[in-house]
């Protein structure tokens, strides 16, 4: 049964519990590369390291490549209404929240693809 994740740590532990963590990392790599924002997270990256590196990547995109950031959100299909609800006054906090939304969407893709195979 699909469990809506409450936060990044909950999401990553669910992915590990369901043995879908590697597929989640692969999906993130795939979608970032589709958006021409190449990341190559190794499949053996720890969940905590993935969380940190993803947040740093999002922070840099917001700060220095905003058009590319918007394109990435579009490619990943992060719901626009969820992005609009975020408070953008603190960019570091915003990067963390956006990272969670990205992970949540990628997790949906992986989970549903696995469940309905």
N, C-alpha and C. Protein backbone atom coordinates (compact mmCIF):
# COMPACT_ATOMS: atom_id res chain seq x y z
N UNK A 1 0.83 -1.19 0.00
CA UNK A 1 0.00 0.00 0.00
C UNK A 1 0.87 1.25 0.00
N UNK A 2 0.50 2.23 -0.84
CA UNK A 2 1.28 3.45 -0.94
C UNK A 2 1.10 4.29 0.32
N UNK A 3 2.22 4.67 0.92
CA UNK A 3 2.22 5.51 2.11
C UNK A 3 2.71 6.89 1.71
N UNK A 4 1.91 7.92 1.96
CA UNK A 4 2.33 9.29 1.64
C UNK A 4 3.41 9.69 2.64
N UNK A 5 4.60 10.00 2.15
CA UNK A 5 5.69 10.33 3.07
C UNK A 5 5.47 11.67 3.77
N UNK A 6 5.87 11.72 5.03
CA UNK A 6 5.70 12.93 5.84
C UNK A 6 6.86 13.89 5.69
N UNK A 7 8.04 13.35 5.45
CA UNK A 7 9.25 14.17 5.27
C UNK A 7 10.29 13.36 4.52
N UNK A 8 11.43 13.96 4.26
CA UNK A 8 12.46 13.30 3.47
C UNK A 8 12.95 12.02 4.13
N UNK A 9 13.22 12.07 5.42
CA UNK A 9 13.74 10.88 6.10
C UNK A 9 12.73 9.73 6.06
N UNK A 10 11.46 10.05 6.26
CA UNK A 10 10.40 9.03 6.20
C UNK A 10 10.34 8.43 4.79
N UNK A 11 10.41 9.27 3.78
CA UNK A 11 10.36 8.81 2.40
C UNK A 11 11.51 7.87 2.10
N UNK A 12 12.73 8.27 2.48
CA UNK A 12 13.90 7.44 2.18
C UNK A 12 13.86 6.12 2.93
N UNK A 13 13.35 6.13 4.16
CA UNK A 13 13.26 4.86 4.90
C UNK A 13 12.19 3.95 4.28
N UNK A 14 11.10 4.53 3.78
CA UNK A 14 10.09 3.74 3.07
C UNK A 14 10.69 3.11 1.81
N UNK A 15 11.46 3.89 1.08
CA UNK A 15 12.08 3.38 -0.14
C UNK A 15 13.01 2.21 0.17
N UNK A 16 13.75 2.32 1.25
CA UNK A 16 14.63 1.22 1.65
C UNK A 16 13.82 0.01 2.10
N UNK A 17 12.78 0.25 2.89
CA UNK A 17 11.95 -0.82 3.40
C UNK A 17 11.29 -1.60 2.26
N UNK A 18 10.90 -0.89 1.22
CA UNK A 18 10.24 -1.52 0.07
C UNK A 18 11.25 -2.07 -0.96
N UNK A 19 12.54 -1.95 -0.64
CA UNK A 19 13.62 -2.37 -1.55
C UNK A 19 13.55 -1.65 -2.90
N UNK A 20 13.18 -0.38 -2.85
CA UNK A 20 13.09 0.42 -4.07
C UNK A 20 14.05 1.61 -4.05
N UNK A 21 14.92 1.66 -3.07
CA UNK A 21 15.83 2.81 -2.94
C UNK A 21 16.71 2.96 -4.18
N UNK A 22 17.25 1.86 -4.69
CA UNK A 22 18.13 1.94 -5.86
C UNK A 22 17.37 2.47 -7.07
N UNK A 23 16.12 2.05 -7.20
CA UNK A 23 15.29 2.54 -8.32
C UNK A 23 14.98 4.02 -8.15
N UNK A 24 14.82 4.45 -6.91
CA UNK A 24 14.58 5.87 -6.64
C UNK A 24 15.79 6.71 -7.07
N UNK A 25 16.98 6.26 -6.70
CA UNK A 25 18.21 6.98 -7.09
C UNK A 25 18.34 6.99 -8.61
N UNK A 26 18.07 5.87 -9.25
CA UNK A 26 18.16 5.80 -10.72
C UNK A 26 17.15 6.75 -11.38
N UNK A 27 15.95 6.84 -10.81
CA UNK A 27 14.91 7.74 -11.36
C UNK A 27 15.34 9.20 -11.22
N UNK A 28 15.92 9.54 -10.09
CA UNK A 28 16.40 10.92 -9.88
C UNK A 28 17.47 11.24 -10.92
N UNK A 29 18.44 10.35 -11.08
CA UNK A 29 19.50 10.56 -12.07
C UNK A 29 18.91 10.73 -13.47
N UNK A 30 17.94 9.87 -13.81
CA UNK A 30 17.32 9.91 -15.14
C UNK A 30 16.63 11.25 -15.39
N UNK A 31 15.81 11.70 -14.45
CA UNK A 31 15.05 12.93 -14.67
C UNK A 31 15.94 14.18 -14.66
N UNK A 32 16.95 14.20 -13.81
CA UNK A 32 17.88 15.33 -13.83
C UNK A 32 18.62 15.39 -15.16
N UNK A 33 19.01 14.24 -15.69
CA UNK A 33 19.69 14.21 -16.97
C UNK A 33 18.75 14.61 -18.11
N UNK A 34 17.48 14.23 -18.02
CA UNK A 34 16.50 14.67 -19.03
C UNK A 34 16.37 16.19 -19.04
N UNK A 35 16.54 16.79 -17.87
CA UNK A 35 16.44 18.25 -17.76
C UNK A 35 17.78 18.93 -18.04
N UNK A 36 18.75 18.17 -18.49
CA UNK A 36 20.10 18.68 -18.77
C UNK A 36 20.76 19.29 -17.54
N UNK A 37 20.45 18.75 -16.39
CA UNK A 37 21.09 19.15 -15.14
C UNK A 37 21.75 17.92 -14.55
N UNK A 38 22.70 17.40 -15.30
CA UNK A 38 23.31 16.13 -14.97
C UNK A 38 23.72 15.97 -13.52
N UNK A 39 23.20 14.95 -12.91
CA UNK A 39 23.70 14.48 -11.63
C UNK A 39 23.97 13.00 -11.84
N UNK A 40 24.88 12.48 -11.10
CA UNK A 40 25.18 11.07 -11.22
C UNK A 40 25.38 10.52 -9.82
N UNK A 41 24.28 10.45 -9.09
CA UNK A 41 24.36 9.90 -7.75
C UNK A 41 24.67 8.42 -7.88
N UNK A 42 25.74 7.95 -7.24
CA UNK A 42 26.03 6.52 -7.30
C UNK A 42 24.91 5.73 -6.62
N UNK A 43 24.64 4.54 -7.12
CA UNK A 43 23.55 3.75 -6.56
C UNK A 43 23.81 3.35 -5.11
N UNK A 44 25.07 3.38 -4.70
CA UNK A 44 25.38 3.02 -3.31
C UNK A 44 25.44 4.23 -2.38
N UNK A 45 24.94 5.38 -2.84
CA UNK A 45 24.93 6.58 -2.00
C UNK A 45 24.00 6.34 -0.80
N UNK A 46 24.42 6.79 0.35
CA UNK A 46 23.57 6.61 1.54
C UNK A 46 22.37 7.56 1.45
N UNK A 47 21.26 7.20 2.07
CA UNK A 47 20.10 8.08 2.05
C UNK A 47 20.40 9.48 2.58
N UNK A 48 21.19 9.55 3.64
CA UNK A 48 21.52 10.85 4.21
C UNK A 48 22.37 11.69 3.24
N UNK A 49 23.33 11.04 2.58
CA UNK A 49 24.17 11.74 1.62
C UNK A 49 23.35 12.19 0.41
N UNK A 50 22.42 11.36 -0.03
CA UNK A 50 21.54 11.72 -1.14
C UNK A 50 20.74 12.97 -0.79
N UNK A 51 20.20 12.98 0.41
CA UNK A 51 19.40 14.12 0.89
C UNK A 51 20.25 15.40 0.87
N UNK A 52 21.47 15.33 1.37
CA UNK A 52 22.37 16.49 1.43
C UNK A 52 22.74 16.97 0.03
N UNK A 53 23.17 16.05 -0.81
CA UNK A 53 23.63 16.43 -2.16
C UNK A 53 22.49 16.95 -3.03
N UNK A 54 21.30 16.36 -2.88
CA UNK A 54 20.15 16.84 -3.64
C UNK A 54 19.79 18.26 -3.21
N UNK A 55 19.79 18.50 -1.91
CA UNK A 55 19.50 19.85 -1.40
C UNK A 55 20.51 20.87 -1.91
N UNK A 56 21.79 20.49 -1.92
CA UNK A 56 22.83 21.40 -2.41
C UNK A 56 22.63 21.71 -3.89
N UNK A 57 22.28 20.69 -4.66
CA UNK A 57 22.05 20.88 -6.10
C UNK A 57 20.87 21.83 -6.33
N UNK A 58 19.78 21.63 -5.59
CA UNK A 58 18.60 22.49 -5.73
C UNK A 58 18.93 23.92 -5.30
N UNK A 59 19.68 24.05 -4.22
CA UNK A 59 20.09 25.38 -3.75
C UNK A 59 20.85 26.12 -4.85
N UNK A 60 21.83 25.44 -5.47
CA UNK A 60 22.63 26.08 -6.53
C UNK A 60 21.76 26.45 -7.74
N UNK A 61 20.80 25.59 -8.07
CA UNK A 61 19.91 25.91 -9.20
C UNK A 61 19.05 27.13 -8.90
N UNK A 62 18.48 27.19 -7.71
CA UNK A 62 17.65 28.34 -7.34
C UNK A 62 18.49 29.61 -7.37
N UNK A 63 19.69 29.52 -6.83
CA UNK A 63 20.56 30.69 -6.68
C UNK A 63 21.12 31.18 -8.01
N UNK A 64 21.57 30.26 -8.88
CA UNK A 64 22.36 30.66 -10.04
C UNK A 64 21.75 30.31 -11.40
N UNK A 65 20.79 29.37 -11.44
CA UNK A 65 20.24 28.91 -12.72
C UNK A 65 18.73 28.72 -12.58
N UNK A 66 18.03 29.81 -12.34
CA UNK A 66 16.61 29.72 -12.00
C UNK A 66 15.77 29.14 -13.14
N UNK A 67 16.04 29.51 -14.38
CA UNK A 67 15.27 28.98 -15.51
C UNK A 67 15.45 27.46 -15.60
N UNK A 68 16.67 26.98 -15.38
CA UNK A 68 16.95 25.54 -15.41
C UNK A 68 16.24 24.84 -14.25
N UNK A 69 16.17 25.51 -13.10
CA UNK A 69 15.46 25.00 -11.93
C UNK A 69 13.98 24.79 -12.27
N UNK A 70 13.36 25.78 -12.89
CA UNK A 70 11.95 25.67 -13.27
C UNK A 70 11.75 24.55 -14.28
N UNK A 71 12.67 24.43 -15.22
CA UNK A 71 12.59 23.36 -16.22
C UNK A 71 12.67 21.98 -15.54
N UNK A 72 13.56 21.86 -14.56
CA UNK A 72 13.70 20.60 -13.83
C UNK A 72 12.39 20.23 -13.12
N UNK A 73 11.77 21.21 -12.46
CA UNK A 73 10.50 20.95 -11.78
C UNK A 73 9.43 20.49 -12.78
N UNK A 74 9.46 21.08 -13.97
CA UNK A 74 8.50 20.72 -15.01
C UNK A 74 8.75 19.28 -15.49
N UNK A 75 10.01 18.95 -15.76
CA UNK A 75 10.37 17.60 -16.25
C UNK A 75 10.00 16.54 -15.21
N UNK A 76 10.30 16.82 -13.94
CA UNK A 76 10.00 15.85 -12.88
C UNK A 76 8.50 15.80 -12.63
N UNK A 77 7.79 16.87 -12.94
CA UNK A 77 6.35 16.97 -12.77
C UNK A 77 5.98 17.19 -11.31
N UNK A 78 6.71 18.08 -10.67
CA UNK A 78 6.37 18.49 -9.30
C UNK A 78 5.14 19.38 -9.38
N UNK A 79 4.09 19.09 -8.60
CA UNK A 79 2.86 19.90 -8.68
C UNK A 79 3.12 21.39 -8.40
N UNK A 80 2.69 22.21 -9.34
CA UNK A 80 2.91 23.66 -9.25
C UNK A 80 2.27 24.25 -8.00
N UNK A 81 1.08 23.77 -7.63
CA UNK A 81 0.41 24.33 -6.46
C UNK A 81 1.21 24.06 -5.17
N UNK A 82 1.93 22.93 -5.11
CA UNK A 82 2.75 22.65 -3.94
C UNK A 82 3.96 23.59 -3.87
N UNK A 83 4.53 23.90 -5.03
CA UNK A 83 5.67 24.83 -5.08
C UNK A 83 5.21 26.23 -4.66
N UNK A 84 4.05 26.63 -5.12
CA UNK A 84 3.54 27.97 -4.81
C UNK A 84 3.24 28.16 -3.33
N UNK A 85 2.99 27.07 -2.61
CA UNK A 85 2.68 27.16 -1.19
C UNK A 85 3.92 27.34 -0.32
N UNK A 86 5.10 27.18 -0.90
CA UNK A 86 6.33 27.27 -0.11
C UNK A 86 6.71 28.71 0.16
N UNK A 87 7.36 28.93 1.28
CA UNK A 87 7.86 30.25 1.67
C UNK A 87 9.28 30.39 1.14
N UNK A 88 9.49 31.31 0.24
CA UNK A 88 10.80 31.47 -0.39
C UNK A 88 11.71 32.47 0.29
N UNK A 89 11.39 32.87 1.51
CA UNK A 89 12.19 33.91 2.16
C UNK A 89 13.57 33.42 2.59
N UNK A 90 13.72 32.12 2.85
CA UNK A 90 15.02 31.55 3.23
C UNK A 90 15.37 30.50 2.18
N UNK A 91 16.37 30.80 1.35
CA UNK A 91 16.69 29.93 0.21
C UNK A 91 17.16 28.55 0.66
N UNK A 92 17.88 28.48 1.76
CA UNK A 92 18.35 27.17 2.25
C UNK A 92 17.15 26.31 2.66
N UNK A 93 16.23 26.91 3.38
CA UNK A 93 15.00 26.20 3.79
C UNK A 93 14.17 25.82 2.56
N UNK A 94 14.06 26.73 1.61
CA UNK A 94 13.33 26.46 0.38
C UNK A 94 13.93 25.29 -0.38
N UNK A 95 15.26 25.24 -0.47
CA UNK A 95 15.93 24.14 -1.17
C UNK A 95 15.60 22.80 -0.53
N UNK A 96 15.52 22.77 0.80
CA UNK A 96 15.16 21.55 1.49
C UNK A 96 13.73 21.13 1.20
N UNK A 97 12.83 22.10 1.19
CA UNK A 97 11.41 21.80 0.94
C UNK A 97 11.21 21.34 -0.51
N UNK A 98 11.88 21.98 -1.45
CA UNK A 98 11.77 21.60 -2.85
C UNK A 98 12.38 20.22 -3.07
N UNK A 99 13.48 19.95 -2.39
CA UNK A 99 14.11 18.62 -2.49
C UNK A 99 13.13 17.54 -2.06
N UNK A 100 12.38 17.82 -0.99
CA UNK A 100 11.38 16.86 -0.52
C UNK A 100 10.29 16.66 -1.56
N UNK A 101 9.83 17.75 -2.17
CA UNK A 101 8.78 17.64 -3.20
C UNK A 101 9.28 16.83 -4.40
N UNK A 102 10.53 17.05 -4.77
CA UNK A 102 11.13 16.29 -5.87
C UNK A 102 11.21 14.81 -5.50
N UNK A 103 11.72 14.53 -4.31
CA UNK A 103 11.82 13.14 -3.86
C UNK A 103 10.43 12.49 -3.80
N UNK A 104 9.46 13.25 -3.32
CA UNK A 104 8.10 12.71 -3.19
C UNK A 104 7.55 12.32 -4.57
N UNK A 105 7.76 13.18 -5.56
CA UNK A 105 7.26 12.89 -6.92
C UNK A 105 8.00 11.71 -7.53
N UNK A 106 9.33 11.68 -7.36
CA UNK A 106 10.12 10.58 -7.90
C UNK A 106 9.72 9.27 -7.22
N UNK A 107 9.46 9.32 -5.92
CA UNK A 107 9.04 8.14 -5.17
C UNK A 107 7.69 7.63 -5.69
N UNK A 108 6.77 8.55 -6.00
CA UNK A 108 5.48 8.13 -6.57
C UNK A 108 5.70 7.36 -7.87
N UNK A 109 6.55 7.90 -8.74
CA UNK A 109 6.81 7.25 -10.02
C UNK A 109 7.35 5.83 -9.81
N UNK A 110 8.35 5.72 -8.96
CA UNK A 110 9.00 4.43 -8.72
C UNK A 110 8.02 3.45 -8.07
N UNK A 111 7.31 3.91 -7.05
CA UNK A 111 6.41 3.03 -6.32
C UNK A 111 5.29 2.50 -7.22
N UNK A 112 4.64 3.43 -7.95
CA UNK A 112 3.53 3.00 -8.81
C UNK A 112 4.01 2.11 -9.94
N UNK A 113 5.15 2.39 -10.53
CA UNK A 113 5.68 1.54 -11.60
C UNK A 113 5.95 0.14 -11.05
N UNK A 114 6.49 0.07 -9.85
CA UNK A 114 6.78 -1.23 -9.25
C UNK A 114 5.49 -1.95 -8.87
N UNK A 115 4.56 -1.24 -8.30
CA UNK A 115 3.32 -1.85 -7.79
C UNK A 115 2.45 -2.37 -8.93
N UNK A 116 2.39 -1.66 -10.04
CA UNK A 116 1.49 -2.03 -11.13
C UNK A 116 2.20 -2.76 -12.27
N UNK A 117 3.36 -3.33 -11.99
CA UNK A 117 4.07 -4.10 -13.01
C UNK A 117 3.32 -5.37 -13.34
